[in-house]
Amino acid sequence: MALLREREGSLAERIAADSEALAEVRARLRAVEDGHRATRGAVEEVALPAVDVVGVAETVRDETEIPGAVARLLAALGVDGGAPGSDVLLAFDGRTDPGVVVVRAAVVGAGGAADAAAVRLVLPAAATAVAVHLPELLASTADAWIALDDAAASRGLRTTGPFRQTLHANGGVTLATPVVPLAD
């Protein structure tokens, strides 16, 4: 009897762990589907203007650290939760060093950060880019970026970065990135 009880307990633990893992996978699938649904048909080809503003920056090792960096940078800019009072530009650039991603943030149209941590956020103009305007920030912006990459690929284009995300004062968000033909 003890052996059966032990086996029952072991199976119950495995089922509980598997059920938790299944719930996480389902939540991730919903988030990815939401990102694709939000961008479907809304992606457009645009030109991006050059940008030269003052803001703050942080370097992270990979994409999983970006949300934390964004939260810290927004706090440094005085943008904590909710829609910002002015548009905020976030830029993500992993092109210079493949081992890191530089995350930069600046309030658009402001004089810039006035402390020692201030950095220039300079982005070149791009003649061809893809962009999507969303009425609100998704639970996982990463999934919207994946959908934007997919939309670019379906047009024979490849995203190159630096990636731009504008948090609008009205609560909306714009994702945009330069692109090149897939053959390049």
N, C-alpha and C. Protein backbone atom coordinates (compact mmCIF):
# COMPACT_ATOMS: atom_id res chain seq x y z
N MET A 1 0.82 -1.19 0.00
CA MET A 1 0.00 0.00 0.00
C MET A 1 0.87 1.27 0.00
N ALA A 2 1.94 1.26 0.78
CA ALA A 2 2.82 2.42 0.87
C ALA A 2 3.47 2.73 -0.49
N LEU A 3 3.82 1.69 -1.20
CA LEU A 3 4.42 1.86 -2.52
C LEU A 3 3.44 2.53 -3.48
N LEU A 4 2.18 2.12 -3.43
CA LEU A 4 1.16 2.75 -4.29
C LEU A 4 0.94 4.21 -3.91
N ARG A 5 0.93 4.50 -2.60
CA ARG A 5 0.75 5.90 -2.14
C ARG A 5 1.93 6.77 -2.60
N GLU A 6 3.12 6.19 -2.53
CA GLU A 6 4.30 6.93 -2.98
C GLU A 6 4.22 7.21 -4.48
N ARG A 7 3.82 6.20 -5.23
CA ARG A 7 3.67 6.36 -6.69
C ARG A 7 2.59 7.38 -7.01
N GLU A 8 1.47 7.35 -6.26
CA GLU A 8 0.39 8.32 -6.45
C GLU A 8 0.90 9.73 -6.21
N GLY A 9 1.64 9.93 -5.15
CA GLY A 9 2.19 11.25 -4.83
C GLY A 9 3.13 11.74 -5.91
N SER A 10 3.96 10.85 -6.39
CA SER A 10 4.91 11.20 -7.46
C SER A 10 4.17 11.61 -8.73
N LEU A 11 3.16 10.83 -9.10
CA LEU A 11 2.38 11.16 -10.30
C LEU A 11 1.63 12.47 -10.12
N ALA A 12 1.06 12.69 -8.93
CA ALA A 12 0.33 13.95 -8.68
C ALA A 12 1.26 15.15 -8.82
N GLU A 13 2.50 15.04 -8.31
CA GLU A 13 3.49 16.11 -8.44
C GLU A 13 3.81 16.38 -9.91
N ARG A 14 4.03 15.31 -10.68
CA ARG A 14 4.34 15.47 -12.11
C ARG A 14 3.18 16.10 -12.86
N ILE A 15 1.97 15.65 -12.55
CA ILE A 15 0.79 16.20 -13.23
C ILE A 15 0.64 17.68 -12.89
N ALA A 16 0.85 18.04 -11.63
CA ALA A 16 0.75 19.45 -11.23
C ALA A 16 1.81 20.29 -11.96
N ALA A 17 3.02 19.79 -12.04
CA ALA A 17 4.10 20.51 -12.74
C ALA A 17 3.78 20.62 -14.23
N ASP A 18 3.31 19.52 -14.82
CA ASP A 18 2.97 19.55 -16.24
C ASP A 18 1.79 20.48 -16.51
N SER A 19 0.83 20.50 -15.60
CA SER A 19 -0.32 21.40 -15.76
C SER A 19 0.12 22.85 -15.72
N GLU A 20 1.05 23.16 -14.82
CA GLU A 20 1.59 24.52 -14.72
C GLU A 20 2.35 24.89 -16.00
N ALA A 21 3.16 23.96 -16.49
CA ALA A 21 3.91 24.20 -17.72
C ALA A 21 2.96 24.39 -18.90
N LEU A 22 1.90 23.59 -18.96
CA LEU A 22 0.92 23.73 -20.03
C LEU A 22 0.24 25.09 -19.97
N ALA A 23 -0.10 25.56 -18.78
CA ALA A 23 -0.74 26.87 -18.62
C ALA A 23 0.21 27.98 -19.11
N GLU A 24 1.51 27.85 -18.82
CA GLU A 24 2.49 28.83 -19.27
C GLU A 24 2.61 28.83 -20.79
N VAL A 25 2.64 27.65 -21.39
CA VAL A 25 2.73 27.55 -22.85
C VAL A 25 1.48 28.15 -23.49
N ARG A 26 0.31 27.85 -22.94
CA ARG A 26 -0.93 28.42 -23.48
C ARG A 26 -0.95 29.94 -23.36
N ALA A 27 -0.47 30.47 -22.24
CA ALA A 27 -0.42 31.92 -22.07
C ALA A 27 0.54 32.54 -23.09
N ARG A 28 1.67 31.89 -23.32
CA ARG A 28 2.65 32.39 -24.30
C ARG A 28 2.06 32.34 -25.71
N LEU A 29 1.36 31.26 -26.04
CA LEU A 29 0.71 31.16 -27.35
C LEU A 29 -0.32 32.28 -27.54
N ARG A 30 -1.12 32.55 -26.50
CA ARG A 30 -2.11 33.64 -26.58
C ARG A 30 -1.41 34.98 -26.81
N ALA A 31 -0.29 35.20 -26.12
CA ALA A 31 0.43 36.46 -26.28
C ALA A 31 0.98 36.60 -27.70
N VAL A 32 1.54 35.53 -28.25
CA VAL A 32 2.05 35.57 -29.62
C VAL A 32 0.90 35.82 -30.60
N GLU A 33 -0.21 35.11 -30.39
CA GLU A 33 -1.37 35.31 -31.27
C GLU A 33 -1.90 36.74 -31.17
N ASP A 34 -1.90 37.31 -29.95
CA ASP A 34 -2.34 38.70 -29.78
C ASP A 34 -1.43 39.65 -30.55
N GLY A 35 -0.11 39.39 -30.50
CA GLY A 35 0.83 40.23 -31.24
C GLY A 35 0.60 40.16 -32.73
N HIS A 36 0.37 38.96 -33.25
CA HIS A 36 0.10 38.80 -34.69
C HIS A 36 -1.25 39.42 -35.06
N ARG A 37 -2.25 39.22 -34.20
CA ARG A 37 -3.58 39.77 -34.48
C ARG A 37 -3.53 41.31 -34.49
N ALA A 38 -2.79 41.90 -33.55
CA ALA A 38 -2.72 43.35 -33.45
C ALA A 38 -2.02 43.97 -34.65
N THR A 39 -1.06 43.26 -35.22
CA THR A 39 -0.30 43.83 -36.33
C THR A 39 -0.83 43.44 -37.70
N ARG A 40 -1.67 42.39 -37.75
CA ARG A 40 -2.16 41.89 -39.04
C ARG A 40 -2.84 43.00 -39.82
N GLY A 41 -2.38 43.25 -41.00
CA GLY A 41 -3.00 44.25 -41.87
C GLY A 41 -2.66 45.68 -41.51
N ALA A 42 -1.99 45.88 -40.37
CA ALA A 42 -1.69 47.24 -39.94
C ALA A 42 -0.26 47.65 -40.24
N VAL A 43 0.56 46.73 -40.70
CA VAL A 43 1.95 47.03 -40.99
C VAL A 43 2.03 47.83 -42.28
N GLU A 44 2.81 48.89 -42.25
CA GLU A 44 2.98 49.71 -43.45
C GLU A 44 4.46 49.97 -43.68
N GLU A 45 4.80 50.21 -44.95
CA GLU A 45 6.16 50.62 -45.28
C GLU A 45 6.22 52.13 -45.20
N VAL A 46 7.24 52.63 -44.50
CA VAL A 46 7.39 54.06 -44.27
C VAL A 46 8.86 54.44 -44.37
N ALA A 47 9.11 55.74 -44.40
CA ALA A 47 10.46 56.27 -44.24
C ALA A 47 10.57 56.75 -42.79
N LEU A 48 11.73 56.55 -42.19
CA LEU A 48 11.93 57.00 -40.82
C LEU A 48 12.85 58.21 -40.82
N PRO A 49 12.50 59.24 -40.05
CA PRO A 49 13.36 60.42 -39.99
C PRO A 49 14.58 60.16 -39.10
N ALA A 50 15.61 60.96 -39.30
CA ALA A 50 16.76 60.91 -38.41
C ALA A 50 16.32 61.46 -37.06
N VAL A 51 16.96 60.97 -36.01
CA VAL A 51 16.63 61.40 -34.65
C VAL A 51 17.93 61.78 -33.95
N ASP A 52 17.89 62.88 -33.21
CA ASP A 52 19.03 63.30 -32.39
C ASP A 52 18.46 63.98 -31.15
N VAL A 53 18.32 63.21 -30.08
CA VAL A 53 17.76 63.72 -28.82
C VAL A 53 18.64 63.27 -27.66
N VAL A 54 18.38 63.83 -26.49
CA VAL A 54 19.13 63.45 -25.30
C VAL A 54 18.22 62.63 -24.40
N GLY A 55 18.76 61.52 -23.90
CA GLY A 55 17.98 60.65 -23.03
C GLY A 55 18.89 59.86 -22.12
N VAL A 56 18.48 58.63 -21.85
CA VAL A 56 19.24 57.74 -20.97
C VAL A 56 19.41 56.40 -21.65
N ALA A 57 20.39 55.61 -21.20
CA ALA A 57 20.67 54.34 -21.85
C ALA A 57 21.11 53.29 -20.84
N GLU A 58 20.94 52.04 -21.24
CA GLU A 58 21.39 50.90 -20.44
C GLU A 58 21.73 49.79 -21.42
N THR A 59 22.74 49.01 -21.09
CA THR A 59 23.14 47.89 -21.92
C THR A 59 22.72 46.60 -21.23
N VAL A 60 22.11 45.70 -22.02
CA VAL A 60 21.68 44.41 -21.48
C VAL A 60 22.31 43.29 -22.30
N ARG A 61 22.31 42.08 -21.74
CA ARG A 61 22.95 40.95 -22.41
C ARG A 61 22.08 40.32 -23.49
N ASP A 62 20.76 40.34 -23.30
CA ASP A 62 19.89 39.76 -24.31
C ASP A 62 18.47 40.32 -24.18
N GLU A 63 17.60 39.88 -25.08
CA GLU A 63 16.25 40.43 -25.16
C GLU A 63 15.43 40.21 -23.90
N THR A 64 15.74 39.17 -23.14
CA THR A 64 14.95 38.90 -21.93
C THR A 64 15.14 39.99 -20.87
N GLU A 65 16.24 40.72 -20.96
CA GLU A 65 16.52 41.77 -19.98
C GLU A 65 15.97 43.13 -20.41
N ILE A 66 15.44 43.22 -21.63
CA ILE A 66 14.95 44.51 -22.13
C ILE A 66 13.80 45.08 -21.30
N PRO A 67 12.76 44.30 -20.95
CA PRO A 67 11.67 44.90 -20.17
C PRO A 67 12.13 45.57 -18.87
N GLY A 68 13.04 44.94 -18.15
CA GLY A 68 13.56 45.54 -16.92
C GLY A 68 14.32 46.82 -17.21
N ALA A 69 15.13 46.81 -18.27
CA ALA A 69 15.88 48.01 -18.64
C ALA A 69 14.93 49.14 -19.02
N VAL A 70 13.89 48.82 -19.79
CA VAL A 70 12.91 49.85 -20.18
C VAL A 70 12.25 50.45 -18.95
N ALA A 71 11.87 49.62 -18.01
CA ALA A 71 11.23 50.12 -16.78
C ALA A 71 12.16 51.07 -16.03
N ARG A 72 13.43 50.71 -15.91
CA ARG A 72 14.40 51.57 -15.21
C ARG A 72 14.63 52.87 -15.96
N LEU A 73 14.73 52.79 -17.29
CA LEU A 73 14.96 54.01 -18.08
C LEU A 73 13.75 54.94 -18.03
N LEU A 74 12.55 54.38 -18.11
CA LEU A 74 11.35 55.22 -18.02
C LEU A 74 11.28 55.89 -16.65
N ALA A 75 11.64 55.16 -15.60
CA ALA A 75 11.66 55.75 -14.25
C ALA A 75 12.68 56.88 -14.19
N ALA A 76 13.84 56.68 -14.82
CA ALA A 76 14.87 57.73 -14.84
C ALA A 76 14.38 58.98 -15.57
N LEU A 77 13.49 58.78 -16.54
CA LEU A 77 12.93 59.92 -17.28
C LEU A 77 11.70 60.51 -16.58
N GLY A 78 11.29 59.88 -15.48
CA GLY A 78 10.11 60.35 -14.77
C GLY A 78 8.80 59.88 -15.38
N VAL A 79 8.88 58.82 -16.17
CA VAL A 79 7.68 58.25 -16.81
C VAL A 79 7.41 56.91 -16.13
N ASP A 80 6.56 56.95 -15.11
CA ASP A 80 6.27 55.74 -14.35
C ASP A 80 4.82 55.33 -14.54
N GLY A 81 4.60 54.25 -15.29
CA GLY A 81 3.25 53.71 -15.46
C GLY A 81 2.34 54.62 -16.26
N GLY A 82 1.34 54.03 -16.88
CA GLY A 82 0.38 54.81 -17.65
C GLY A 82 0.98 55.46 -18.87
N ALA A 83 0.18 56.27 -19.53
CA ALA A 83 0.65 56.97 -20.73
C ALA A 83 1.55 58.13 -20.31
N PRO A 84 2.64 58.33 -21.03
CA PRO A 84 3.53 59.45 -20.69
C PRO A 84 2.88 60.78 -21.05
N GLY A 85 3.35 61.86 -20.44
CA GLY A 85 2.82 63.19 -20.74
C GLY A 85 3.21 63.65 -22.14
N SER A 86 4.33 63.15 -22.64
CA SER A 86 4.81 63.42 -23.99
C SER A 86 5.23 62.09 -24.60
N ASP A 87 5.40 62.08 -25.92
CA ASP A 87 5.87 60.85 -26.56
C ASP A 87 7.26 60.49 -26.03
N VAL A 88 7.49 59.20 -25.86
CA VAL A 88 8.79 58.70 -25.41
C VAL A 88 9.30 57.74 -26.48
N LEU A 89 10.52 57.98 -26.94
CA LEU A 89 11.15 57.12 -27.93
C LEU A 89 12.07 56.14 -27.23
N LEU A 90 11.87 54.86 -27.52
CA LEU A 90 12.77 53.81 -27.07
C LEU A 90 13.50 53.28 -28.29
N ALA A 91 14.77 53.03 -28.16
CA ALA A 91 15.55 52.46 -29.27
C ALA A 91 16.32 51.25 -28.75
N PHE A 92 16.31 50.20 -29.55
CA PHE A 92 16.98 48.94 -29.20
C PHE A 92 17.98 48.63 -30.31
N ASP A 93 19.25 48.52 -29.94
CA ASP A 93 20.28 48.32 -30.96
C ASP A 93 21.25 47.23 -30.52
N GLY A 94 21.24 46.12 -31.25
CA GLY A 94 22.17 45.03 -30.98
C GLY A 94 23.13 44.83 -32.13
N ARG A 95 23.27 45.84 -32.99
CA ARG A 95 24.09 45.68 -34.19
C ARG A 95 25.57 45.88 -33.93
N THR A 96 25.94 46.73 -32.99
CA THR A 96 27.34 47.07 -32.78
C THR A 96 28.11 45.93 -32.14
N ASP A 97 27.54 45.33 -31.11
CA ASP A 97 28.17 44.22 -30.40
C ASP A 97 27.12 43.11 -30.28
N PRO A 98 27.34 41.97 -30.96
CA PRO A 98 26.32 40.91 -30.94
C PRO A 98 26.06 40.34 -29.55
N GLY A 99 26.92 40.63 -28.58
CA GLY A 99 26.75 40.11 -27.23
C GLY A 99 25.88 40.96 -26.33
N VAL A 100 25.45 42.13 -26.82
CA VAL A 100 24.64 43.02 -25.98
C VAL A 100 23.60 43.75 -26.82
N VAL A 101 22.62 44.29 -26.13
CA VAL A 101 21.63 45.17 -26.75
C VAL A 101 21.67 46.50 -25.97
N VAL A 102 21.84 47.59 -26.69
CA VAL A 102 21.81 48.90 -26.05
C VAL A 102 20.37 49.40 -26.12
N VAL A 103 19.81 49.69 -24.95
CA VAL A 103 18.44 50.19 -24.84
C VAL A 103 18.55 51.66 -24.47
N ARG A 104 17.92 52.52 -25.29
CA ARG A 104 17.96 53.96 -25.03
C ARG A 104 16.54 54.50 -24.97
N ALA A 105 16.35 55.56 -24.20
CA ALA A 105 15.03 56.17 -24.06
C ALA A 105 15.18 57.68 -23.96
N ALA A 106 14.23 58.39 -24.58
CA ALA A 106 14.24 59.85 -24.51
C ALA A 106 12.82 60.36 -24.66
N VAL A 107 12.53 61.45 -23.96
CA VAL A 107 11.24 62.12 -24.13
C VAL A 107 11.38 62.97 -25.39
N VAL A 108 10.48 62.76 -26.35
CA VAL A 108 10.54 63.46 -27.62
C VAL A 108 10.10 64.91 -27.42
N GLY A 109 10.90 65.84 -27.93
CA GLY A 109 10.55 67.25 -27.84
C GLY A 109 10.97 67.90 -26.54
N ALA A 110 11.56 67.13 -25.63
CA ALA A 110 11.99 67.70 -24.36
C ALA A 110 13.45 68.11 -24.48
N GLY A 111 13.90 68.88 -23.53
CA GLY A 111 15.29 69.31 -23.51
C GLY A 111 16.24 68.16 -23.24
N GLY A 112 15.72 67.06 -22.75
CA GLY A 112 16.55 65.90 -22.49
C GLY A 112 16.85 65.74 -21.02
N ALA A 113 17.47 64.65 -20.70
CA ALA A 113 17.84 64.35 -19.32
C ALA A 113 18.92 65.31 -18.88
N ALA A 114 18.81 65.83 -17.67
CA ALA A 114 19.73 66.85 -17.20
C ALA A 114 20.79 66.29 -16.26
N ASP A 115 20.84 64.99 -16.05
CA ASP A 115 21.81 64.45 -15.10
C ASP A 115 23.02 63.85 -15.82
N ALA A 116 23.94 63.35 -15.01
CA ALA A 116 25.19 62.82 -15.56
C ALA A 116 24.96 61.58 -16.42
N ALA A 117 23.82 60.91 -16.26
CA ALA A 117 23.55 59.69 -17.02
C ALA A 117 23.04 60.00 -18.43
N ALA A 118 22.88 61.27 -18.76
CA ALA A 118 22.32 61.64 -20.06
C ALA A 118 23.24 61.21 -21.20
N VAL A 119 22.60 60.70 -22.28
CA VAL A 119 23.33 60.30 -23.47
C VAL A 119 22.58 60.81 -24.69
N ARG A 120 23.29 60.97 -25.78
CA ARG A 120 22.63 61.32 -27.03
C ARG A 120 22.06 60.07 -27.66
N LEU A 121 20.84 60.18 -28.13
CA LEU A 121 20.19 59.10 -28.85
C LEU A 121 20.14 59.56 -30.30
N VAL A 122 21.03 59.02 -31.11
CA VAL A 122 21.14 59.40 -32.51
C VAL A 122 20.77 58.20 -33.37
N LEU A 123 19.76 58.37 -34.19
CA LEU A 123 19.33 57.32 -35.10
C LEU A 123 19.34 57.88 -36.52
N PRO A 124 19.91 57.14 -37.46
CA PRO A 124 19.93 57.63 -38.84
C PRO A 124 18.54 57.53 -39.47
N ALA A 125 18.33 58.34 -40.48
CA ALA A 125 17.10 58.23 -41.26
C ALA A 125 17.13 56.90 -42.01
N ALA A 126 15.96 56.39 -42.33
CA ALA A 126 15.86 55.14 -43.10
C ALA A 126 14.86 55.38 -44.22
N ALA A 127 15.30 55.17 -45.44
CA ALA A 127 14.40 55.37 -46.58
C ALA A 127 13.28 54.35 -46.61
N THR A 128 13.57 53.13 -46.16
CA THR A 128 12.55 52.09 -46.15
C THR A 128 12.52 51.43 -44.78
N ALA A 129 11.33 51.38 -44.20
CA ALA A 129 11.14 50.77 -42.89
C ALA A 129 9.75 50.16 -42.84
N VAL A 130 9.52 49.32 -41.87
CA VAL A 130 8.17 48.83 -41.61
C VAL A 130 7.75 49.38 -40.24
N ALA A 131 6.47 49.68 -40.13
CA ALA A 131 5.96 50.25 -38.88
C ALA A 131 4.55 49.75 -38.65
N VAL A 132 4.18 49.70 -37.40
CA VAL A 132 2.80 49.38 -37.02
C VAL A 132 2.42 50.31 -35.87
N HIS A 133 1.21 50.84 -35.96
CA HIS A 133 0.68 51.72 -34.92
C HIS A 133 -0.39 50.93 -34.16
N LEU A 134 -0.22 50.81 -32.86
CA LEU A 134 -1.16 50.07 -32.03
C LEU A 134 -1.89 51.05 -31.10
N PRO A 135 -3.18 50.86 -30.89
CA PRO A 135 -3.92 51.79 -30.04
C PRO A 135 -3.50 51.75 -28.58
N GLU A 136 -2.89 50.63 -28.17
CA GLU A 136 -2.40 50.51 -26.80
C GLU A 136 -1.24 49.54 -26.76
N LEU A 137 -0.46 49.65 -25.71
CA LEU A 137 0.68 48.76 -25.53
C LEU A 137 0.19 47.36 -25.22
N LEU A 138 0.75 46.37 -25.91
CA LEU A 138 0.39 44.97 -25.67
C LEU A 138 1.06 44.48 -24.39
N ALA A 139 0.52 43.40 -23.84
CA ALA A 139 1.12 42.81 -22.64
C ALA A 139 2.57 42.42 -22.92
N SER A 140 2.84 41.94 -24.13
CA SER A 140 4.20 41.57 -24.51
C SER A 140 4.54 42.23 -25.83
N THR A 141 5.31 43.29 -25.78
CA THR A 141 5.73 43.98 -27.00
C THR A 141 6.62 43.06 -27.83
N ALA A 142 7.34 42.15 -27.18
CA ALA A 142 8.21 41.23 -27.91
C ALA A 142 7.42 40.46 -28.96
N ASP A 143 6.20 40.10 -28.64
CA ASP A 143 5.38 39.35 -29.59
C ASP A 143 4.97 40.22 -30.78
N ALA A 144 4.75 41.50 -30.54
CA ALA A 144 4.44 42.41 -31.65
C ALA A 144 5.66 42.59 -32.55
N TRP A 145 6.86 42.61 -31.94
CA TRP A 145 8.09 42.70 -32.76
C TRP A 145 8.24 41.45 -33.62
N ILE A 146 7.94 40.29 -33.06
CA ILE A 146 8.01 39.05 -33.84
C ILE A 146 7.05 39.13 -35.02
N ALA A 147 5.85 39.62 -34.76
CA ALA A 147 4.85 39.76 -35.82
C ALA A 147 5.31 40.76 -36.87
N LEU A 148 5.98 41.84 -36.44
CA LEU A 148 6.50 42.83 -37.40
C LEU A 148 7.59 42.21 -38.27
N ASP A 149 8.47 41.41 -37.66
CA ASP A 149 9.50 40.68 -38.42
C ASP A 149 8.83 39.76 -39.45
N ASP A 150 7.80 39.04 -39.02
CA ASP A 150 7.08 38.13 -39.92
C ASP A 150 6.43 38.90 -41.08
N ALA A 151 5.84 40.04 -40.77
CA ALA A 151 5.19 40.85 -41.81
C ALA A 151 6.22 41.36 -42.81
N ALA A 152 7.38 41.77 -42.32
CA ALA A 152 8.44 42.23 -43.22
C ALA A 152 8.89 41.08 -44.12
N ALA A 153 9.09 39.91 -43.54
CA ALA A 153 9.53 38.74 -44.32
C ALA A 153 8.51 38.38 -45.39
N SER A 154 7.23 38.51 -45.07
CA SER A 154 6.20 38.18 -46.06
C SER A 154 6.22 39.16 -47.23
N ARG A 155 6.88 40.31 -47.05
CA ARG A 155 7.02 41.30 -48.12
C ARG A 155 8.39 41.20 -48.79
N GLY A 156 9.16 40.18 -48.42
CA GLY A 156 10.49 40.01 -48.99
C GLY A 156 11.52 40.93 -48.36
N LEU A 157 11.27 41.35 -47.11
CA LEU A 157 12.16 42.28 -46.42
C LEU A 157 12.68 41.66 -45.13
N ARG A 158 13.81 42.20 -44.66
CA ARG A 158 14.41 41.76 -43.39
C ARG A 158 14.64 42.99 -42.52
N THR A 159 14.20 42.91 -41.25
CA THR A 159 14.41 44.04 -40.34
C THR A 159 15.87 44.11 -39.95
N THR A 160 16.39 45.34 -39.79
CA THR A 160 17.81 45.50 -39.51
C THR A 160 18.11 46.24 -38.22
N GLY A 161 17.19 47.06 -37.75
CA GLY A 161 17.47 47.87 -36.57
C GLY A 161 18.30 49.09 -36.94
N PRO A 162 18.50 49.98 -36.01
CA PRO A 162 17.98 49.88 -34.66
C PRO A 162 16.44 49.95 -34.65
N PHE A 163 15.87 49.23 -33.69
CA PHE A 163 14.43 49.14 -33.57
C PHE A 163 13.92 50.32 -32.75
N ARG A 164 12.83 50.94 -33.22
CA ARG A 164 12.26 52.11 -32.54
C ARG A 164 10.87 51.78 -32.01
N GLN A 165 10.63 52.17 -30.79
CA GLN A 165 9.30 52.00 -30.20
C GLN A 165 8.93 53.34 -29.58
N THR A 166 7.84 53.93 -30.06
CA THR A 166 7.40 55.20 -29.51
C THR A 166 6.16 54.97 -28.66
N LEU A 167 6.26 55.37 -27.40
CA LEU A 167 5.12 55.33 -26.49
C LEU A 167 4.45 56.69 -26.60
N HIS A 168 3.25 56.73 -27.12
CA HIS A 168 2.58 58.01 -27.36
C HIS A 168 1.83 58.48 -26.13
N ALA A 169 1.72 59.79 -26.00
CA ALA A 169 1.02 60.40 -24.87
C ALA A 169 -0.44 59.96 -24.81
N ASN A 170 -1.01 59.57 -25.95
CA ASN A 170 -2.42 59.13 -25.97
C ASN A 170 -2.59 57.67 -25.57
N GLY A 171 -1.49 56.99 -25.19
CA GLY A 171 -1.57 55.59 -24.79
C GLY A 171 -1.22 54.62 -25.89
N GLY A 172 -1.15 55.08 -27.12
CA GLY A 172 -0.80 54.22 -28.24
C GLY A 172 0.69 53.96 -28.29
N VAL A 173 1.08 53.10 -29.21
CA VAL A 173 2.49 52.77 -29.38
C VAL A 173 2.76 52.53 -30.86
N THR A 174 3.93 52.94 -31.32
CA THR A 174 4.36 52.69 -32.69
C THR A 174 5.66 51.90 -32.64
N LEU A 175 5.69 50.81 -33.38
CA LEU A 175 6.91 50.03 -33.55
C LEU A 175 7.40 50.25 -34.96
N ALA A 176 8.69 50.50 -35.14
CA ALA A 176 9.23 50.75 -36.47
C ALA A 176 10.69 50.33 -36.52
N THR A 177 11.10 49.84 -37.70
CA THR A 177 12.49 49.47 -37.89
C THR A 177 12.85 49.52 -39.37
N PRO A 178 14.07 49.94 -39.66
CA PRO A 178 14.53 49.89 -41.05
C PRO A 178 14.53 48.46 -41.58
N VAL A 179 14.39 48.33 -42.89
CA VAL A 179 14.40 47.02 -43.55
C VAL A 179 15.26 47.06 -44.79
N VAL A 180 15.70 45.88 -45.20
CA VAL A 180 16.43 45.71 -46.46
C VAL A 180 15.81 44.50 -47.15
N PRO A 181 16.01 44.37 -48.46
CA PRO A 181 15.52 43.16 -49.13
C PRO A 181 16.13 41.90 -48.51
N LEU A 182 15.37 40.83 -48.47
CA LEU A 182 15.84 39.58 -47.88
C LEU A 182 17.16 39.10 -48.47
N ALA A 183 17.42 39.38 -49.72
CA ALA A 183 18.64 38.94 -50.38
C ALA A 183 19.88 39.61 -49.83
N ASP A 184 19.73 40.78 -49.21
CA ASP A 184 20.90 41.52 -48.68
C ASP A 184 21.42 40.91 -47.39
